PDB file of N, CA and C in Angstrom:
ATOM      1  N   UNK A   1     159.658  50.822  39.682  1.00  0.00           N
ATOM      2  CA  UNK A   1     161.033  50.169  40.226  1.00  0.00           C
ATOM      3  C   UNK A   1     161.348  50.265  41.664  1.00  0.00           C
ATOM      4  N   UNK A   2     162.434  48.959  41.755  1.00  0.00           N
ATOM      5  CA  UNK A   2     162.776  48.690  42.999  1.00  0.00           C
ATOM      6  C   UNK A   2     163.817  50.056  43.181  1.00  0.00           C
ATOM      7  N   UNK A   3     164.408  50.517  44.266  1.00  0.00           N
ATOM      8  CA  UNK A   3     165.207  51.251  44.298  1.00  0.00           C
ATOM      9  C   UNK A   3     166.686  50.374  45.263  1.00  0.00           C
ATOM     10  N   UNK A   4     167.678  50.768  45.400  1.00  0.00           N
ATOM     11  CA  UNK A   4     168.742  50.179  45.895  1.00  0.00           C
ATOM     12  C   UNK A   4     168.311  50.410  47.546  1.00  0.00           C
ATOM     13  N   UNK A   5     168.007  51.823  47.917  1.00  0.00           N
ATOM     14  CA  UNK A   5     167.555  51.229  49.680  1.00  0.00           C
ATOM     15  C   UNK A   5     166.797  50.159  49.306  1.00  0.00           C
ATOM     16  N   UNK A   6     165.661  50.161  48.984  1.00  0.00           N
ATOM     17  CA  UNK A   6     164.506  49.248  49.472  1.00  0.00           C
ATOM     18  C   UNK A   6     165.047  48.091  49.464  1.00  0.00           C
ATOM     19  N   UNK A   7     165.917  47.457  48.392  1.00  0.00           N
ATOM     20  CA  UNK A   7     166.662  46.447  47.910  1.00  0.00           C
ATOM     21  C   UNK A   7     167.242  46.268  49.505  1.00  0.00           C
ATOM     22  N   UNK A   8     167.838  47.273  50.313  1.00  0.00           N
ATOM     23  CA  UNK A   8     168.434  46.701  50.831  1.00  0.00           C
ATOM     24  C   UNK A   8     168.343  46.567  52.270  1.00  0.00           C
ATOM     25  N   UNK A   9     166.963  47.433  52.452  1.00  0.00           N
ATOM     26  CA  UNK A   9     165.957  47.745  53.723  1.00  0.00           C
ATOM     27  C   UNK A   9     165.772  45.722  53.127  1.00  0.00           C
ATOM     28  N   UNK A  10     165.004  45.127  52.218  1.00  0.00           N
ATOM     29  CA  UNK A  10     164.064  44.011  52.159  1.00  0.00           C
ATOM     30  C   UNK A  10     165.611  43.110  52.524  1.00  0.00           C
ATOM     31  N   UNK A  11     167.367  42.850  52.163  1.00  0.00           N
ATOM     32  CA  UNK A  11     167.936  42.448  52.822  1.00  0.00           C
ATOM     33  C   UNK A  11     167.688  42.519  54.042  1.00  0.00           C
ATOM     34  N   UNK A  12     168.205  43.487  54.668  1.00  0.00           N
ATOM     35  CA  UNK A  12     168.725  43.232  56.051  1.00  0.00           C
ATOM     36  C   UNK A  12     167.245  42.725  56.756  1.00  0.00           C
ATOM     37  N   UNK A  13     165.839  42.860  56.421  1.00  0.00           N
ATOM     38  CA  UNK A  13     164.986  41.874  57.402  1.00  0.00           C
ATOM     39  C   UNK A  13     165.771  40.350  57.163  1.00  0.00           C
ATOM     40  N   UNK A  14     165.567  40.213  55.719  1.00  0.00           N
ATOM     41  CA  UNK A  14     166.255  38.691  55.891  1.00  0.00           C
ATOM     42  C   UNK A  14     167.257  38.255  56.524  1.00  0.00           C
ATOM     43  N   UNK A  15     167.780  39.078  56.657  1.00  0.00           N
ATOM     44  CA  UNK A  15     169.474  38.446  57.696  1.00  0.00           C
ATOM     45  C   UNK A  15     169.600  39.275  59.557  1.00  0.00           C
ATOM     46  N   UNK A  16     168.119  39.718  60.140  1.00  0.00           N
ATOM     47  CA  UNK A  16     167.819  40.268  60.876  1.00  0.00           C
ATOM     48  C   UNK A  16     168.365  39.625  61.961  1.00  0.00           C
ATOM     49  N   UNK A  17     167.976  38.064  62.107  1.00  0.00           N
ATOM     50  CA  UNK A  17     168.278  37.292  63.306  1.00  0.00           C
ATOM     51  C   UNK A  17     169.182  36.531  62.772  1.00  0.00           C
ATOM     52  N   UNK A  18     169.791  35.991  64.121  1.00  0.00           N
ATOM     53  CA  UNK A  18     171.405  36.168  63.761  1.00  0.00           C
ATOM     54  C   UNK A  18     171.066  34.532  63.403  1.00  0.00           C
ATOM     55  N   UNK A  19     170.143  33.966  63.593  1.00  0.00           N
ATOM     56  CA  UNK A  19     170.051  32.713  63.004  1.00  0.00           C
ATOM     57  C   UNK A  19     169.990  32.263  61.427  1.00  0.00           C
ATOM     58  N   UNK A  20     169.914  33.755  61.001  1.00  0.00           N
ATOM     59  CA  UNK A  20     169.160  34.129  59.544  1.00  0.00           C
ATOM     60  C   UNK A  20     170.598  34.345  58.626  1.00  0.00           C
ATOM     61  N   UNK A  21     171.544  34.467  59.246  1.00  0.00           N
ATOM     62  CA  UNK A  21     173.046  35.402  58.617  1.00  0.00           C
ATOM     63  C   UNK A  21     174.007  33.291  59.102  1.00  0.00           C
ATOM     64  N   UNK A  22     174.582  33.773  57.183  1.00  0.00           N
ATOM     65  CA  UNK A  22     175.166  33.056  57.640  1.00  0.00           C
ATOM     66  C   UNK A  22     177.292  33.737  56.662  1.00  0.00           C
ATOM     67  N   UNK A  23     177.967  32.531  56.775  1.00  0.00           N
ATOM     68  CA  UNK A  23     179.635  33.139  56.299  1.00  0.00           C
ATOM     69  C   UNK A  23     179.730  31.697  55.051  1.00  0.00           C
ATOM     70  N   UNK A  24     180.778  31.996  54.560  1.00  0.00           N
ATOM     71  CA  UNK A  24     181.064  30.850  53.698  1.00  0.00           C
ATOM     72  C   UNK A  24     180.268  30.473  52.566  1.00  0.00           C
ATOM     73  N   UNK A  25     179.136  31.053  52.480  1.00  0.00           N
ATOM     74  CA  UNK A  25     178.262  30.746  51.339  1.00  0.00           C
ATOM     75  C   UNK A  25     177.004  31.836  51.219  1.00  0.00           C
ATOM     76  N   UNK A  26     176.800  32.167  49.916  1.00  0.00           N
ATOM     77  CA  UNK A  26     175.613  32.964  49.515  1.00  0.00           C
ATOM     78  C   UNK A  26     174.437  32.896  50.424  1.00  0.00           C
ATOM     79  N   UNK A  27     174.028  31.983  50.815  1.00  0.00           N
ATOM     80  CA  UNK A  27     172.648  30.672  51.266  1.00  0.00           C
ATOM     81  C   UNK A  27     173.561  29.370  51.473  1.00  0.00           C
ATOM     82  N   UNK A  28     172.144  29.741  53.082  1.00  0.00           N
ATOM     83  CA  UNK A  28     172.293  28.225  53.045  1.00  0.00           C
ATOM     84  C   UNK A  28     170.798  27.181  53.432  1.00  0.00           C
ATOM     85  N   UNK A  29     170.669  26.109  53.644  1.00  0.00           N
ATOM     86  CA  UNK A  29     169.470  25.691  53.580  1.00  0.00           C
ATOM     87  C   UNK A  29     169.297  25.029  54.815  1.00  0.00           C
ATOM     88  N   UNK A  30     168.273  24.459  55.448  1.00  0.00           N
ATOM     89  CA  UNK A  30     168.229  24.140  56.753  1.00  0.00           C
ATOM     90  C   UNK A  30     169.047  22.982  57.544  1.00  0.00           C
ATOM     91  N   UNK A  31     169.775  22.341  56.394  1.00  0.00           N
ATOM     92  CA  UNK A  31     170.831  21.431  56.635  1.00  0.00           C
ATOM     93  C   UNK A  31     172.331  21.870  56.770  1.00  0.00           C
ATOM     94  N   UNK A  32     171.988  23.270  56.507  1.00  0.00           N
ATOM     95  CA  UNK A  32     173.553  24.059  56.703  1.00  0.00           C
ATOM     96  C   UNK A  32     174.398  23.360  54.605  1.00  0.00           C
ATOM     97  N   UNK A  33     173.362  22.813  54.053  1.00  0.00           N
ATOM     98  CA  UNK A  33     174.090  22.720  53.115  1.00  0.00           C
ATOM     99  C   UNK A  33     174.002  24.406  52.104  1.00  0.00           C
ATOM    100  N   UNK A  34     174.869  24.331  50.973  1.00  0.00           N
ATOM    101  CA  UNK A  34     174.690  26.263  50.408  1.00  0.00           C
ATOM    102  C   UNK A  34     174.231  25.632  49.809  1.00  0.00           C
ATOM    103  N   UNK A  35     173.612  26.869  49.072  1.00  0.00           N
ATOM    104  CA  UNK A  35     172.316  26.635  48.172  1.00  0.00           C
ATOM    105  C   UNK A  35     172.061  28.390  47.959  1.00  0.00           C
ATOM    106  N   UNK A  36     171.761  28.521  46.305  1.00  0.00           N
ATOM    107  CA  UNK A  36     171.315  29.915  45.950  1.00  0.00           C
ATOM    108  C   UNK A  36     171.206  30.707  46.698  1.00  0.00           C
ATOM    109  N   UNK A  37     170.605  31.791  46.991  1.00  0.00           N
ATOM    110  CA  UNK A  37     170.555  33.475  47.751  1.00  0.00           C
ATOM    111  C   UNK A  37     168.603  32.791  47.342  1.00  0.00           C
ATOM    112  N   UNK A  38     168.495  32.545  46.092  1.00  0.00           N
ATOM    113  CA  UNK A  38     166.989  32.515  45.987  1.00  0.00           C
ATOM    114  C   UNK A  38     166.026  31.056  45.828  1.00  0.00           C
ATOM    115  N   UNK A  39     166.433  30.419  46.654  1.00  0.00           N
ATOM    116  CA  UNK A  39     166.472  29.124  46.803  1.00  0.00           C
ATOM    117  C   UNK A  39     164.713  29.309  47.999  1.00  0.00           C
ATOM    118  N   UNK A  40     163.699  28.140  47.272  1.00  0.00           N
ATOM    119  CA  UNK A  40     162.700  28.545  48.214  1.00  0.00           C
ATOM    120  C   UNK A  40     163.534  27.527  49.374  1.00  0.00           C
ATOM    121  N   UNK A  41     164.568  26.791  49.317  1.00  0.00           N
ATOM    122  CA  UNK A  41     165.034  26.199  50.752  1.00  0.00           C
ATOM    123  C   UNK A  41     166.029  26.752  51.261  1.00  0.00           C
ATOM    124  N   UNK A  42     166.157  28.430  50.914  1.00  0.00           N
ATOM    125  CA  UNK A  42     167.356  28.892  52.039  1.00  0.00           C
ATOM    126  C   UNK A  42     167.283  29.720  53.129  1.00  0.00           C
ATOM    127  N   UNK A  43     167.244  29.491  53.631  1.00  0.00           N
ATOM    128  CA  UNK A  43     167.458  29.813  55.076  1.00  0.00           C
ATOM    129  C   UNK A  43     167.646  31.056  55.968  1.00  0.00           C
ATOM    130  N   UNK A  44     169.197  30.563  55.254  1.00  0.00           N
ATOM    131  CA  UNK A  44     169.998  31.915  55.761  1.00  0.00           C
ATOM    132  C   UNK A  44     170.445  32.062  54.673  1.00  0.00           C
ATOM    133  N   UNK A  45     171.500  33.866  55.136  1.00  0.00           N
ATOM    134  CA  UNK A  45     171.970  34.169  53.927  1.00  0.00           C
ATOM    135  C   UNK A  45     173.344  34.616  54.688  1.00  0.00           C
ATOM    136  N   UNK A  46     174.322  35.290  53.464  1.00  0.00           N
ATOM    137  CA  UNK A  46     175.421  36.317  53.972  1.00  0.00           C
ATOM    138  C   UNK A  46     174.870  37.267  53.545  1.00  0.00           C
ATOM    139  N   UNK A  47     175.700  38.642  53.992  1.00  0.00           N
ATOM    140  CA  UNK A  47     175.498  40.012  53.332  1.00  0.00           C
ATOM    141  C   UNK A  47     175.175  40.240  51.851  1.00  0.00           C
ATOM    142  N   UNK A  48     175.961  38.891  50.963  1.00  0.00           N
ATOM    143  CA  UNK A  48     175.545  39.479  49.833  1.00  0.00           C
ATOM    144  C   UNK A  48     174.192  38.780  49.361  1.00  0.00           C
ATOM    145  N   UNK A  49     174.248  37.549  49.488  1.00  0.00           N
ATOM    146  CA  UNK A  49     173.118  36.567  49.116  1.00  0.00           C
ATOM    147  C   UNK A  49     171.869  37.054  49.817  1.00  0.00           C
ATOM    148  N   UNK A  50     171.895  37.949  50.988  1.00  0.00           N
ATOM    149  CA  UNK A  50     170.455  38.309  51.116  1.00  0.00           C
ATOM    150  C   UNK A  50     170.265  39.508  49.976  1.00  0.00           C
ATOM    151  N   UNK A  51     170.972  40.555  49.674  1.00  0.00           N
ATOM    152  CA  UNK A  51     171.347  41.307  48.372  1.00  0.00           C
ATOM    153  C   UNK A  51     170.491  40.353  47.476  1.00  0.00           C
ATOM    154  N   UNK A  52     171.231  39.089  46.821  1.00  0.00           N
ATOM    155  CA  UNK A  52     170.417  38.729  46.166  1.00  0.00           C
ATOM    156  C   UNK A  52     168.593  38.119  45.888  1.00  0.00           C
ATOM    157  N   UNK A  53     168.818  37.682  46.738  1.00  0.00           N
ATOM    158  CA  UNK A  53     167.319  37.318  47.734  1.00  0.00           C
ATOM    159  C   UNK A  53     166.524  37.925  47.460  1.00  0.00           C
ATOM    160  N   UNK A  54     166.630  39.307  48.134  1.00  0.00           N
ATOM    161  CA  UNK A  54     165.663  40.615  48.056  1.00  0.00           C
ATOM    162  C   UNK A  54     165.675  40.893  46.793  1.00  0.00           C
ATOM    163  N   UNK A  55     165.739  40.598  45.666  1.00  0.00           N
ATOM    164  CA  UNK A  55     165.692  41.243  45.139  1.00  0.00           C
ATOM    165  C   UNK A  55     165.575  40.768  43.458  1.00  0.00           C
ATOM    166  N   UNK A  56     165.093  40.880  42.859  1.00  0.00           N
ATOM    167  CA  UNK A  56     164.772  40.250  40.778  1.00  0.00           C
ATOM    168  C   UNK A  56     165.420  40.937  40.200  1.00  0.00           C
ATOM    169  N   UNK A  57     165.410  41.716  40.322  1.00  0.00           N
ATOM    170  CA  UNK A  57     166.310  43.045  39.081  1.00  0.00           C
ATOM    171  C   UNK A  57     167.756  43.043  39.656  1.00  0.00           C
ATOM    172  N   UNK A  58     168.063  44.401  39.012  1.00  0.00           N
ATOM    173  CA  UNK A  58     169.475  44.859  39.442  1.00  0.00           C
ATOM    174  C   UNK A  58     169.945  44.321  40.381  1.00  0.00           C
ATOM    175  N   UNK A  59     170.587  44.013  41.223  1.00  0.00           N
ATOM    176  CA  UNK A  59     171.336  44.165  42.309  1.00  0.00           C
ATOM    177  C   UNK A  59     172.694  45.137  42.889  1.00  0.00           C
ATOM    178  N   UNK A  60     173.137  45.572  40.904  1.00  0.00           N
ATOM    179  CA  UNK A  60     174.742  46.238  41.419  1.00  0.00           C
ATOM    180  C   UNK A  60     174.217  47.304  41.645  1.00  0.00           C
ATOM    181  N   UNK A  61     173.409  48.003  41.531  1.00  0.00           N
ATOM    182  CA  UNK A  61     173.083  49.368  42.918  1.00  0.00           C
ATOM    183  C   UNK A  61     173.330  49.301  44.199  1.00  0.00           C
ATOM    184  N   UNK A  62     172.681  48.625  44.937  1.00  0.00           N
ATOM    185  CA  UNK A  62     172.723  48.294  46.575  1.00  0.00           C
ATOM    186  C   UNK A  62     173.615  47.948  46.627  1.00  0.00           C
ATOM    187  N   UNK A  63     174.715  46.983  45.383  1.00  0.00           N
ATOM    188  CA  UNK A  63     175.492  45.817  46.270  1.00  0.00           C
ATOM    189  C   UNK A  63     177.268  47.170  46.435  1.00  0.00           C
ATOM    190  N   UNK A  64     176.701  47.718  45.508  1.00  0.00           N
ATOM    191  CA  UNK A  64     177.775  49.127  45.045  1.00  0.00           C
ATOM    192  C   UNK A  64     177.882  49.922  46.318  1.00  0.00           C
ATOM    193  N   UNK A  65     176.486  50.033  46.754  1.00  0.00           N
ATOM    194  CA  UNK A  65     175.881  51.061  48.052  1.00  0.00           C
ATOM    195  C   UNK A  65     176.534  50.004  49.450  1.00  0.00           C
ATOM    196  N   UNK A  66     177.148  49.405  49.478  1.00  0.00           N
ATOM    197  CA  UNK A  66     176.889  48.508  50.620  1.00  0.00           C
ATOM    198  C   UNK A  66     178.154  48.850  50.964  1.00  0.00           C
ATOM    199  N   UNK A  67     178.859  47.914  49.768  1.00  0.00           N
ATOM    200  CA  UNK A  67     180.370  48.123  49.809  1.00  0.00           C
ATOM    201  C   UNK A  67     181.190  49.491  50.252  1.00  0.00           C
ATOM    202  N   UNK A  68     180.525  50.895  49.340  1.00  0.00           N
ATOM    203  CA  UNK A  68     180.906  51.657  50.618  1.00  0.00           C
ATOM    204  C   UNK A  68     181.420  51.805  51.868  1.00  0.00           C
ATOM    205  N   UNK A  69     180.260  51.028  52.774  1.00  0.00           N
ATOM    206  CA  UNK A  69     180.567  51.311  53.826  1.00  0.00           C
ATOM    207  C   UNK A  69     181.021  50.231  54.462  1.00  0.00           C
ATOM    208  N   UNK A  70     181.428  49.445  53.986  1.00  0.00           N
ATOM    209  CA  UNK A  70     182.701  48.339  54.847  1.00  0.00           C
ATOM    210  C   UNK A  70     183.710  49.149  54.842  1.00  0.00           C
ATOM    211  N   UNK A  71     183.888  48.453  57.024  1.00  0.00           N
ATOM    212  CA  UNK A  71     185.383  48.775  57.004  1.00  0.00           C
ATOM    213  C   UNK A  71     186.206  48.812  55.970  1.00  0.00           C
ATOM    214  N   UNK A  72     187.334  49.472  56.435  1.00  0.00           N
ATOM    215  CA  UNK A  72     188.775  49.322  56.208  1.00  0.00           C
ATOM    216  C   UNK A  72     188.931  49.312  54.275  1.00  0.00           C
ATOM    217  N   UNK A  73     187.514  49.733  53.885  1.00  0.00           N
ATOM    218  CA  UNK A  73     187.369  49.370  52.571  1.00  0.00           C
ATOM    219  C   UNK A  73     187.407  47.465  51.450  1.00  0.00           C
ATOM    220  N   UNK A  74     187.296  46.984  51.912  1.00  0.00           N
ATOM    221  CA  UNK A  74     187.733  45.609  51.787  1.00  0.00           C
ATOM    222  C   UNK A  74     186.099  45.347  51.367  1.00  0.00           C
ATOM    223  N   UNK A  75     185.890  44.713  50.367  1.00  0.00           N
ATOM    224  CA  UNK A  75     185.068  43.617  49.987  1.00  0.00           C
ATOM    225  C   UNK A  75     183.562  43.389  50.850  1.00  0.00           C
ATOM    226  N   UNK A  76     182.809  43.444  50.540  1.00  0.00           N
ATOM    227  CA  UNK A  76     181.244  42.755  50.954  1.00  0.00           C
ATOM    228  C   UNK A  76     181.669  41.580  51.489  1.00  0.00           C
ATOM    229  N   UNK A  77     182.221  40.633  51.147  1.00  0.00           N
ATOM    230  CA  UNK A  77     181.661  38.856  50.928  1.00  0.00           C
ATOM    231  C   UNK A  77     183.395  38.678  51.785  1.00  0.00           C
ATOM    232  N   UNK A  78     184.311  39.776  51.445  1.00  0.00           N
ATOM    233  CA  UNK A  78     185.586  39.677  52.108  1.00  0.00           C
ATOM    234  C   UNK A  78     185.028  40.029  54.085  1.00  0.00           C
ATOM    235  N   UNK A  79     184.402  40.427  53.957  1.00  0.00           N
ATOM    236  CA  UNK A  79     184.464  40.971  55.489  1.00  0.00           C
ATOM    237  C   UNK A  79     183.595  40.353  55.896  1.00  0.00           C
ATOM    238  N   UNK A  80     182.034  39.535  55.370  1.00  0.00           N
ATOM    239  CA  UNK A  80     181.102  39.228  56.027  1.00  0.00           C
ATOM    240  C   UNK A  80     182.172  37.876  56.637  1.00  0.00           C
ATOM    241  N   UNK A  81     182.716  36.986  55.673  1.00  0.00           N
ATOM    242  CA  UNK A  81     183.463  36.011  56.372  1.00  0.00           C
ATOM    243  C   UNK A  81     184.688  36.205  56.736  1.00  0.00           C
ATOM    244  N   UNK A  82     185.245  37.363  57.054  1.00  0.00           N
ATOM    245  CA  UNK A  82     186.042  37.621  58.628  1.00  0.00           C
ATOM    246  C   UNK A  82     186.097  36.444  59.669  1.00  0.00           C
ATOM    247  N   UNK A  83     186.772  36.053  59.774  1.00  0.00           N
ATOM    248  CA  UNK A  83     186.247  35.591  61.350  1.00  0.00           C
ATOM    249  C   UNK A  83     185.549  36.067  62.161  1.00  0.00           C
ATOM    250  N   UNK A  84     186.065  37.087  62.765  1.00  0.00           N
ATOM    251  CA  UNK A  84     186.041  37.994  63.620  1.00  0.00           C
ATOM    252  C   UNK A  84     184.590  39.099  63.374  1.00  0.00           C
ATOM    253  N   UNK A  85     184.258  39.293  62.114  1.00  0.00           N
ATOM    254  CA  UNK A  85     183.113  40.027  61.776  1.00  0.00           C
ATOM    255  C   UNK A  85     181.863  38.911  62.876  1.00  0.00           C
ATOM    256  N   UNK A  86     180.707  40.468  62.922  1.00  0.00           N
ATOM    257  CA  UNK A  86     179.536  39.789  63.808  1.00  0.00           C
ATOM    258  C   UNK A  86     178.789  40.000  62.993  1.00  0.00           C
ATOM    259  N   UNK A  87     177.677  39.247  63.241  1.00  0.00           N
ATOM    260  CA  UNK A  87     176.064  39.925  62.599  1.00  0.00           C
ATOM    261  C   UNK A  87     176.189  40.945  63.385  1.00  0.00           C
ATOM    262  N   UNK A  88     175.855  41.630  64.567  1.00  0.00           N
ATOM    263  CA  UNK A  88     175.996  42.980  65.161  1.00  0.00           C
ATOM    264  C   UNK A  88     176.403  43.963  63.585  1.00  0.00           C
ATOM    265  N   UNK A  89     177.893  43.643  63.561  1.00  0.00           N
ATOM    266  CA  UNK A  89     178.697  44.615  62.543  1.00  0.00           C
ATOM    267  C   UNK A  89     177.663  44.430  61.145  1.00  0.00           C
ATOM    268  N   UNK A  90     177.860  43.295  60.650  1.00  0.00           N
ATOM    269  CA  UNK A  90     177.087  43.972  58.979  1.00  0.00           C
ATOM    270  C   UNK A  90     175.639  43.820  59.280  1.00  0.00           C
ATOM    271  N   UNK A  91     174.769  44.002  60.228  1.00  0.00           N
ATOM    272  CA  UNK A  91     173.326  44.522  60.379  1.00  0.00           C
ATOM    273  C   UNK A  91     173.893  46.033  60.681  1.00  0.00           C
ATOM    274  N   UNK A  92     175.084  46.861  60.816  1.00  0.00           N
ATOM    275  CA  UNK A  92     175.485  48.310  60.908  1.00  0.00           C
ATOM    276  C   UNK A  92     175.976  48.376  59.885  1.00  0.00           C
ATOM    277  N   UNK A  93     177.027  47.830  59.042  1.00  0.00           N
ATOM    278  CA  UNK A  93     176.659  47.592  57.661  1.00  0.00           C
ATOM    279  C   UNK A  93     175.652  48.146  56.866  1.00  0.00           C
ATOM    280  N   UNK A  94     174.951  47.488  56.611  1.00  0.00           N
ATOM    281  CA  UNK A  94     173.378  47.648  56.515  1.00  0.00           C
ATOM    282  C   UNK A  94     173.155  49.072  56.574  1.00  0.00           C
ATOM    283  N   UNK A  95     173.094  49.076  57.753  1.00  0.00           N
ATOM    284  CA  UNK A  95     172.322  50.345  58.740  1.00  0.00           C
ATOM    285  C   UNK A  95     172.922  52.148  57.849  1.00  0.00           C
ATOM    286  N   UNK A  96     174.570  51.984  57.340  1.00  0.00           N
ATOM    287  CA  UNK A  96     174.981  52.740  57.222  1.00  0.00           C
ATOM    288  C   UNK A  96     174.549  52.803  55.784  1.00  0.00           C
ATOM    289  N   UNK A  97     174.614  51.750  54.640  1.00  0.00           N
ATOM    290  CA  UNK A  97     174.319  52.108  53.739  1.00  0.00           C
ATOM    291  C   UNK A  97     172.891  52.201  53.516  1.00  0.00           C
ATOM    292  N   UNK A  98     171.939  52.433  54.158  1.00  0.00           N
ATOM    293  CA  UNK A  98     170.668  52.460  54.278  1.00  0.00           C
ATOM    294  C   UNK A  98     170.140  53.791  54.438  1.00  0.00           C
ATOM    295  N   UNK A  99     170.712  54.502  55.267  1.00  0.00           N
ATOM    296  CA  UNK A  99     170.795  55.885  55.752  1.00  0.00           C
ATOM    297  C   UNK A  99     171.351  56.460  55.532  1.00  0.00           C
ATOM    298  N   UNK A 100     172.528  56.258  54.229  1.00  0.00           N
ATOM    299  CA  UNK A 100     173.253  57.738  53.683  1.00  0.00           C
ATOM    300  C   UNK A 100     172.275  58.198  52.751  1.00  0.00           C
ATOM    301  N   UNK A 101     172.571  59.438  52.801  1.00  0.00           N
ATOM    302  CA  UNK A 101     171.541  60.575  51.886  1.00  0.00           C
ATOM    303  C   UNK A 101     171.354  60.061  50.896  1.00  0.00           C
ATOM    304  N   UNK A 102     172.770  59.828  49.811  1.00  0.00           N
ATOM    305  CA  UNK A 102     172.681  59.527  48.653  1.00  0.00           C
ATOM    306  C   UNK A 102     172.397  58.179  48.720  1.00  0.00           C
ATOM    307  N   UNK A 103     171.597  57.235  49.136  1.00  0.00           N
ATOM    308  CA  UNK A 103     171.290  55.936  48.931  1.00  0.00           C
ATOM    309  C   UNK A 103     170.390  56.184  47.669  1.00  0.00           C
ATOM    310  N   UNK A 104     169.952  55.404  47.020  1.00  0.00           N
ATOM    311  CA  UNK A 104     169.030  56.404  45.673  1.00  0.00           C
ATOM    312  C   UNK A 104     168.029  55.102  45.698  1.00  0.00           C
TER     313      UNK A 104
END
């Protein structure tokens, strides 16, 4: 069984490079067009799309864990898409969620 922690680690790896992260869509292809996160054409993902792309199974526990650590109590998708949110802040969000002692 894949755990929330393993999903979060795999999702973070997908968006580790700045060019592999996006805003406004779950995923984008090489032309910048929106696509589904698990598309073979996807080359970049938002914080939520990366979770969906990282796991073929239930993503709810991983998404719940990620949401717990968003500053200001915002939802992950909202925080990801704020104009002022940076790539480094999204990676830090993942790091907090992964490092939490209670991450299953």
